[in-house]
PDB file of N, CA and C in Angstrom:
ATOM      1  N   MET A   1      30.005  38.708 -63.756  1.00  0.00           N
ATOM      2  CA  MET A   1      29.924  39.947 -63.026  1.00  0.00           C
ATOM      3  C   MET A   1      28.888  40.874 -63.661  1.00  0.00           C
ATOM      4  N   GLY A   2      28.768  40.869 -64.971  1.00  0.00           N
ATOM      5  CA  GLY A   2      27.789  41.708 -65.643  1.00  0.00           C
ATOM      6  C   GLY A   2      26.368  41.301 -65.314  1.00  0.00           C
ATOM      7  N   ARG A   3      26.199  40.006 -65.109  1.00  0.00           N
ATOM      8  CA  ARG A   3      24.859  39.508 -64.811  1.00  0.00           C
ATOM      9  C   ARG A   3      24.383  39.978 -63.435  1.00  0.00           C
ATOM     10  N   ASN A   4      25.266  39.998 -62.469  1.00  0.00           N
ATOM     11  CA  ASN A   4      24.921  40.461 -61.128  1.00  0.00           C
ATOM     12  C   ASN A   4      24.567  41.943 -61.146  1.00  0.00           C
ATOM     13  N   ASN A   5      25.313  42.721 -61.912  1.00  0.00           N
ATOM     14  CA  ASN A   5      25.046  44.148 -62.033  1.00  0.00           C
ATOM     15  C   ASN A   5      23.676  44.374 -62.653  1.00  0.00           C
ATOM     16  N   ASN A   6      23.327  43.560 -63.658  1.00  0.00           N
ATOM     17  CA  ASN A   6      22.028  43.663 -64.312  1.00  0.00           C
ATOM     18  C   ASN A   6      20.915  43.338 -63.323  1.00  0.00           C
ATOM     19  N   SER A   7      21.128  42.338 -62.496  1.00  0.00           N
ATOM     20  CA  SER A   7      20.138  41.955 -61.492  1.00  0.00           C
ATOM     21  C   SER A   7      19.919  43.082 -60.483  1.00  0.00           C
ATOM     22  N   ASP A   8      20.986  43.752 -60.089  1.00  0.00           N
ATOM     23  CA  ASP A   8      20.865  44.876 -59.159  1.00  0.00           C
ATOM     24  C   ASP A   8      20.084  46.026 -59.779  1.00  0.00           C
ATOM     25  N   GLU A   9      20.298  46.259 -61.064  1.00  0.00           N
ATOM     26  CA  GLU A   9      19.567  47.328 -61.747  1.00  0.00           C
ATOM     27  C   GLU A   9      18.081  46.997 -61.840  1.00  0.00           C
ATOM     28  N   ILE A  10      17.769  45.729 -62.074  1.00  0.00           N
ATOM     29  CA  ILE A  10      16.366  45.309 -62.139  1.00  0.00           C
ATOM     30  C   ILE A  10      15.705  45.486 -60.777  1.00  0.00           C
ATOM     31  N   LYS A  11      16.395  45.089 -59.710  1.00  0.00           N
ATOM     32  CA  LYS A  11      15.845  45.262 -58.362  1.00  0.00           C
ATOM     33  C   LYS A  11      15.625  46.735 -58.043  1.00  0.00           C
ATOM     34  N   LYS A  12      16.581  47.573 -58.436  1.00  0.00           N
ATOM     35  CA  LYS A  12      16.448  49.008 -58.198  1.00  0.00           C
ATOM     36  C   LYS A  12      15.265  49.565 -58.978  1.00  0.00           C
ATOM     37  N   TYR A  13      15.104  49.140 -60.230  1.00  0.00           N
ATOM     38  CA  TYR A  13      13.982  49.604 -61.049  1.00  0.00           C
ATOM     39  C   TYR A  13      12.652  49.183 -60.435  1.00  0.00           C
ATOM     40  N   ARG A  14      12.565  47.938 -59.986  1.00  0.00           N
ATOM     41  CA  ARG A  14      11.323  47.451 -59.370  1.00  0.00           C
ATOM     42  C   ARG A  14      10.991  48.225 -58.102  1.00  0.00           C
ATOM     43  N   ARG A  15      12.008  48.474 -57.278  1.00  0.00           N
ATOM     44  CA  ARG A  15      11.791  49.252 -56.052  1.00  0.00           C
ATOM     45  C   ARG A  15      11.248  50.635 -56.376  1.00  0.00           C
ATOM     46  N   GLU A  16      11.864  51.298 -57.354  1.00  0.00           N
ATOM     47  CA  GLU A  16      11.411  52.637 -57.737  1.00  0.00           C
ATOM     48  C   GLU A  16      10.003  52.589 -58.313  1.00  0.00           C
ATOM     49  N   PHE A  17       9.730  51.573 -59.143  1.00  0.00           N
ATOM     50  CA  PHE A  17       8.414  51.450 -59.760  1.00  0.00           C
ATOM     51  C   PHE A  17       7.331  51.261 -58.711  1.00  0.00           C
ATOM     52  N   TYR A  18       7.547  50.324 -57.792  1.00  0.00           N
ATOM     53  CA  TYR A  18       6.535  50.053 -56.771  1.00  0.00           C
ATOM     54  C   TYR A  18       6.383  51.212 -55.793  1.00  0.00           C
ATOM     55  N   SER A  19       7.462  51.886 -55.458  1.00  0.00           N
ATOM     56  CA  SER A  19       7.341  53.029 -54.556  1.00  0.00           C
ATOM     57  C   SER A  19       6.541  54.146 -55.213  1.00  0.00           C
ATOM     58  N   LYS A  20       6.766  54.374 -56.506  1.00  0.00           N
ATOM     59  CA  LYS A  20       5.973  55.388 -57.211  1.00  0.00           C
ATOM     60  C   LYS A  20       4.524  54.941 -57.330  1.00  0.00           C
ATOM     61  N   TYR A  21       4.300  53.658 -57.610  1.00  0.00           N
ATOM     62  CA  TYR A  21       2.938  53.143 -57.767  1.00  0.00           C
ATOM     63  C   TYR A  21       2.136  53.322 -56.478  1.00  0.00           C
ATOM     64  N   PHE A  22       2.686  52.853 -55.365  1.00  0.00           N
ATOM     65  CA  PHE A  22       1.963  52.960 -54.099  1.00  0.00           C
ATOM     66  C   PHE A  22       1.883  54.408 -53.619  1.00  0.00           C
ATOM     67  N   GLY A  23       2.887  55.205 -53.932  1.00  0.00           N
ATOM     68  CA  GLY A  23       2.824  56.628 -53.599  1.00  0.00           C
ATOM     69  C   GLY A  23       1.707  57.328 -54.346  1.00  0.00           C
ATOM     70  N   ASN A  24       1.598  57.043 -55.654  1.00  0.00           N
ATOM     71  CA  ASN A  24       0.520  57.639 -56.448  1.00  0.00           C
ATOM     72  C   ASN A  24      -0.840  57.114 -56.014  1.00  0.00           C
ATOM     73  N   LEU A  25      -0.915  55.831 -55.705  1.00  0.00           N
ATOM     74  CA  LEU A  25      -2.176  55.245 -55.259  1.00  0.00           C
ATOM     75  C   LEU A  25      -2.629  55.868 -53.940  1.00  0.00           C
ATOM     76  N   SER A  26      -1.701  56.091 -53.030  1.00  0.00           N
ATOM     77  CA  SER A  26      -2.070  56.720 -51.756  1.00  0.00           C
ATOM     78  C   SER A  26      -2.522  58.156 -51.972  1.00  0.00           C
ATOM     79  N   THR A  27      -1.914  58.852 -52.939  1.00  0.00           N
ATOM     80  CA  THR A  27      -2.349  60.213 -53.253  1.00  0.00           C
ATOM     81  C   THR A  27      -3.769  60.221 -53.781  1.00  0.00           C
ATOM     82  N   ILE A  28      -4.084  59.278 -54.655  1.00  0.00           N
ATOM     83  CA  ILE A  28      -5.429  59.192 -55.222  1.00  0.00           C
ATOM     84  C   ILE A  28      -6.449  58.864 -54.135  1.00  0.00           C
ATOM     85  N   VAL A  29      -6.138  57.881 -53.297  1.00  0.00           N
ATOM     86  CA  VAL A  29      -7.063  57.497 -52.224  1.00  0.00           C
ATOM     87  C   VAL A  29      -7.286  58.666 -51.278  1.00  0.00           C
ATOM     88  N   PHE A  30      -6.211  59.347 -50.914  1.00  0.00           N
ATOM     89  CA  PHE A  30      -6.336  60.486 -50.008  1.00  0.00           C
ATOM     90  C   PHE A  30      -7.193  61.577 -50.633  1.00  0.00           C
ATOM     91  N   THR A  31      -6.944  61.874 -51.905  1.00  0.00           N
ATOM     92  CA  THR A  31      -7.695  62.933 -52.577  1.00  0.00           C
ATOM     93  C   THR A  31      -9.169  62.596 -52.674  1.00  0.00           C
ATOM     94  N   VAL A  32      -9.477  61.387 -53.090  1.00  0.00           N
ATOM     95  CA  VAL A  32     -10.878  61.014 -53.306  1.00  0.00           C
ATOM     96  C   VAL A  32     -11.637  60.913 -51.991  1.00  0.00           C
ATOM     97  N   PHE A  33     -11.108  60.152 -51.061  1.00  0.00           N
ATOM     98  CA  PHE A  33     -11.851  59.889 -49.833  1.00  0.00           C
ATOM     99  C   PHE A  33     -11.760  61.031 -48.825  1.00  0.00           C
ATOM    100  N   VAL A  34     -10.564  61.461 -48.522  1.00  0.00           N
ATOM    101  CA  VAL A  34     -10.382  62.406 -47.425  1.00  0.00           C
ATOM    102  C   VAL A  34     -10.743  63.826 -47.847  1.00  0.00           C
ATOM    103  N   VAL A  35     -10.127  64.309 -48.914  1.00  0.00           N
ATOM    104  CA  VAL A  35     -10.379  65.688 -49.331  1.00  0.00           C
ATOM    105  C   VAL A  35     -11.812  65.849 -49.814  1.00  0.00           C
ATOM    106  N   GLY A  36     -12.289  64.893 -50.610  1.00  0.00           N
ATOM    107  CA  GLY A  36     -13.658  64.974 -51.118  1.00  0.00           C
ATOM    108  C   GLY A  36     -14.697  65.008 -50.015  1.00  0.00           C
ATOM    109  N   ASN A  37     -14.537  64.171 -49.019  1.00  0.00           N
ATOM    110  CA  ASN A  37     -15.506  64.146 -47.921  1.00  0.00           C
ATOM    111  C   ASN A  37     -15.319  65.303 -46.957  1.00  0.00           C
ATOM    112  N   ALA A  38     -14.110  65.785 -46.814  1.00  0.00           N
ATOM    113  CA  ALA A  38     -13.907  66.966 -45.976  1.00  0.00           C
ATOM    114  C   ALA A  38     -14.630  68.162 -46.583  1.00  0.00           C
ATOM    115  N   VAL A  39     -14.557  68.286 -47.899  1.00  0.00           N
ATOM    116  CA  VAL A  39     -15.262  69.379 -48.570  1.00  0.00           C
ATOM    117  C   VAL A  39     -16.766  69.231 -48.389  1.00  0.00           C
ATOM    118  N   SER A  40     -17.279  68.009 -48.521  1.00  0.00           N
ATOM    119  CA  SER A  40     -18.724  67.824 -48.355  1.00  0.00           C
ATOM    120  C   SER A  40     -19.159  68.074 -46.913  1.00  0.00           C
ATOM    121  N   LEU A  41     -18.304  67.764 -45.946  1.00  0.00           N
ATOM    122  CA  LEU A  41     -18.635  68.060 -44.547  1.00  0.00           C
ATOM    123  C   LEU A  41     -18.627  69.562 -44.281  1.00  0.00           C
ATOM    124  N   ILE A  42     -17.673  70.263 -44.875  1.00  0.00           N
ATOM    125  CA  ILE A  42     -17.585  71.708 -44.673  1.00  0.00           C
ATOM    126  C   ILE A  42     -18.780  72.409 -45.320  1.00  0.00           C
ATOM    127  N   ARG A  43     -19.146  71.971 -46.520  1.00  0.00           N
ATOM    128  CA  ARG A  43     -20.266  72.596 -47.233  1.00  0.00           C
ATOM    129  C   ARG A  43     -21.598  72.276 -46.579  1.00  0.00           C
ATOM    130  N   GLY A  44     -21.641  71.213 -45.853  1.00  0.00           N
ATOM    131  CA  GLY A  44     -22.881  70.827 -45.180  1.00  0.00           C
ATOM    132  C   GLY A  44     -23.540  69.680 -45.913  1.00  0.00           C
ATOM    133  N   SER A  45     -23.548  68.551 -45.285  1.00  0.00           N
ATOM    134  CA  SER A  45     -24.136  67.356 -45.869  1.00  0.00           C
ATOM    135  C   SER A  45     -25.249  66.879 -44.954  1.00  0.00           C
ATOM    136  N   GLU A  46     -26.204  66.180 -45.532  1.00  0.00           N
ATOM    137  CA  GLU A  46     -27.320  65.698 -44.719  1.00  0.00           C
ATOM    138  C   GLU A  46     -26.955  64.449 -43.924  1.00  0.00           C
ATOM    139  N   ASP A  47     -25.987  63.696 -44.404  1.00  0.00           N
ATOM    140  CA  ASP A  47     -25.621  62.442 -43.753  1.00  0.00           C
ATOM    141  C   ASP A  47     -24.189  62.538 -43.232  1.00  0.00           C
ATOM    142  N   TYR A  48     -24.036  63.127 -42.055  1.00  0.00           N
ATOM    143  CA  TYR A  48     -22.710  63.324 -41.484  1.00  0.00           C
ATOM    144  C   TYR A  48     -22.039  62.019 -41.101  1.00  0.00           C
ATOM    145  N   VAL A  49     -22.801  61.054 -40.649  1.00  0.00           N
ATOM    146  CA  VAL A  49     -22.222  59.794 -40.179  1.00  0.00           C
ATOM    147  C   VAL A  49     -21.535  59.063 -41.328  1.00  0.00           C
ATOM    148  N   THR A  50     -22.202  58.969 -42.462  1.00  0.00           N
ATOM    149  CA  THR A  50     -21.604  58.292 -43.615  1.00  0.00           C
ATOM    150  C   THR A  50     -20.378  59.038 -44.104  1.00  0.00           C
ATOM    151  N   ASP A  51     -20.453  60.368 -44.152  1.00  0.00           N
ATOM    152  CA  ASP A  51     -19.305  61.154 -44.594  1.00  0.00           C
ATOM    153  C   ASP A  51     -18.120  60.985 -43.655  1.00  0.00           C
ATOM    154  N   LEU A  52     -18.371  60.948 -42.359  1.00  0.00           N
ATOM    155  CA  LEU A  52     -17.281  60.743 -41.402  1.00  0.00           C
ATOM    156  C   LEU A  52     -16.689  59.343 -41.515  1.00  0.00           C
ATOM    157  N   MET A  53     -17.542  58.348 -41.751  1.00  0.00           N
ATOM    158  CA  MET A  53     -17.038  56.980 -41.910  1.00  0.00           C
ATOM    159  C   MET A  53     -16.163  56.867 -43.154  1.00  0.00           C
ATOM    160  N   VAL A  54     -16.567  57.485 -44.248  1.00  0.00           N
ATOM    161  CA  VAL A  54     -15.764  57.455 -45.473  1.00  0.00           C
ATOM    162  C   VAL A  54     -14.472  58.231 -45.275  1.00  0.00           C
ATOM    163  N   LEU A  55     -14.530  59.329 -44.546  1.00  0.00           N
ATOM    164  CA  LEU A  55     -13.336  60.111 -44.250  1.00  0.00           C
ATOM    165  C   LEU A  55     -12.340  59.288 -43.437  1.00  0.00           C
ATOM    166  N   ILE A  56     -12.813  58.613 -42.420  1.00  0.00           N
ATOM    167  CA  ILE A  56     -11.946  57.765 -41.594  1.00  0.00           C
ATOM    168  C   ILE A  56     -11.410  56.592 -42.407  1.00  0.00           C
ATOM    169  N   ALA A  57     -12.250  55.984 -43.235  1.00  0.00           N
ATOM    170  CA  ALA A  57     -11.798  54.884 -44.094  1.00  0.00           C
ATOM    171  C   ALA A  57     -10.720  55.361 -45.057  1.00  0.00           C
ATOM    172  N   GLY A  58     -10.870  56.558 -45.589  1.00  0.00           N
ATOM    173  CA  GLY A  58      -9.853  57.109 -46.487  1.00  0.00           C
ATOM    174  C   GLY A  58      -8.516  57.279 -45.803  1.00  0.00           C
ATOM    175  N   VAL A  59      -8.554  57.772 -44.574  1.00  0.00           N
ATOM    176  CA  VAL A  59      -7.309  57.923 -43.817  1.00  0.00           C
ATOM    177  C   VAL A  59      -6.705  56.553 -43.523  1.00  0.00           C
ATOM    178  N   LEU A  60      -7.545  55.594 -43.146  1.00  0.00           N
ATOM    179  CA  LEU A  60      -7.042  54.256 -42.827  1.00  0.00           C
ATOM    180  C   LEU A  60      -6.526  53.529 -44.060  1.00  0.00           C
ATOM    181  N   PHE A  61      -7.063  53.821 -45.252  1.00  0.00           N
ATOM    182  CA  PHE A  61      -6.540  53.223 -46.480  1.00  0.00           C
ATOM    183  C   PHE A  61      -5.260  53.917 -46.936  1.00  0.00           C
ATOM    184  N   THR A  62      -5.143  55.203 -46.644  1.00  0.00           N
ATOM    185  CA  THR A  62      -3.986  55.967 -47.100  1.00  0.00           C
ATOM    186  C   THR A  62      -2.727  55.593 -46.327  1.00  0.00           C
ATOM    187  N   LEU A  63      -2.839  55.437 -45.031  1.00  0.00           N
ATOM    188  CA  LEU A  63      -1.657  55.169 -44.207  1.00  0.00           C
ATOM    189  C   LEU A  63      -0.909  53.899 -44.604  1.00  0.00           C
ATOM    190  N   PRO A  64      -1.578  52.750 -44.790  1.00  0.00           N
ATOM    191  CA  PRO A  64      -0.822  51.562 -45.205  1.00  0.00           C
ATOM    192  C   PRO A  64      -0.179  51.715 -46.578  1.00  0.00           C
ATOM    193  N   LEU A  65      -0.840  52.416 -47.487  1.00  0.00           N
ATOM    194  CA  LEU A  65      -0.256  52.612 -48.809  1.00  0.00           C
ATOM    195  C   LEU A  65       1.010  53.454 -48.733  1.00  0.00           C
ATOM    196  N   ILE A  66       1.002  54.464 -47.879  1.00  0.00           N
ATOM    197  CA  ILE A  66       2.204  55.278 -47.704  1.00  0.00           C
ATOM    198  C   ILE A  66       3.314  54.449 -47.071  1.00  0.00           C
ATOM    199  N   LEU A  67       2.975  53.616 -46.106  1.00  0.00           N
ATOM    200  CA  LEU A  67       3.983  52.768 -45.465  1.00  0.00           C
ATOM    201  C   LEU A  67       4.563  51.753 -46.450  1.00  0.00           C
ATOM    202  N   ILE A  68       3.718  51.204 -47.325  1.00  0.00           N
ATOM    203  CA  ILE A  68       4.206  50.261 -48.336  1.00  0.00           C
ATOM    204  C   ILE A  68       5.136  50.973 -49.309  1.00  0.00           C
ATOM    205  N   ALA A  69       4.754  52.168 -49.748  1.00  0.00           N
ATOM    206  CA  ALA A  69       5.610  52.934 -50.659  1.00  0.00           C
ATOM    207  C   ALA A  69       6.937  53.254 -49.990  1.00  0.00           C
ATOM    208  N   ASN A  70       6.905  53.602 -48.717  1.00  0.00           N
ATOM    209  CA  ASN A  70       8.127  53.912 -47.980  1.00  0.00           C
ATOM    210  C   ASN A  70       9.009  52.680 -47.834  1.00  0.00           C
ATOM    211  N   LYS A  71       8.388  51.511 -47.697  1.00  0.00           N
ATOM    212  CA  LYS A  71       9.157  50.268 -47.579  1.00  0.00           C
ATOM    213  C   LYS A  71       9.952  50.008 -48.855  1.00  0.00           C
ATOM    214  N   PHE A  72       9.347  50.267 -50.008  1.00  0.00           N
ATOM    215  CA  PHE A  72      10.040  50.026 -51.266  1.00  0.00           C
ATOM    216  C   PHE A  72      11.133  51.053 -51.521  1.00  0.00           C
ATOM    217  N   ILE A  73      11.004  52.242 -50.955  1.00  0.00           N
ATOM    218  CA  ILE A  73      12.038  53.259 -51.139  1.00  0.00           C
ATOM    219  C   ILE A  73      13.318  52.836 -50.435  1.00  0.00           C
ATOM    220  N   LYS A  74      13.179  52.207 -49.269  1.00  0.00           N
ATOM    221  CA  LYS A  74      14.362  51.807 -48.491  1.00  0.00           C
ATOM    222  C   LYS A  74      15.021  50.623 -49.064  1.00  0.00           C
TER     223      LYS A  74
END
């Protein structure tokens, strides 16, 4: 019975670890790609197309990471 309890604690620890990992990773991706490029677009950049593509890529990379983190929380 003690062994099963230990296994449950390990699974819980892994779930928490991965949810925090993917949550932090999504925060970093969002900050670097989305916020950084939004600031450069607001300030005025010479290459709007590239900045918009990176902004969209940042959003598209952030969403799956948030969904993965949410999956581990449940």
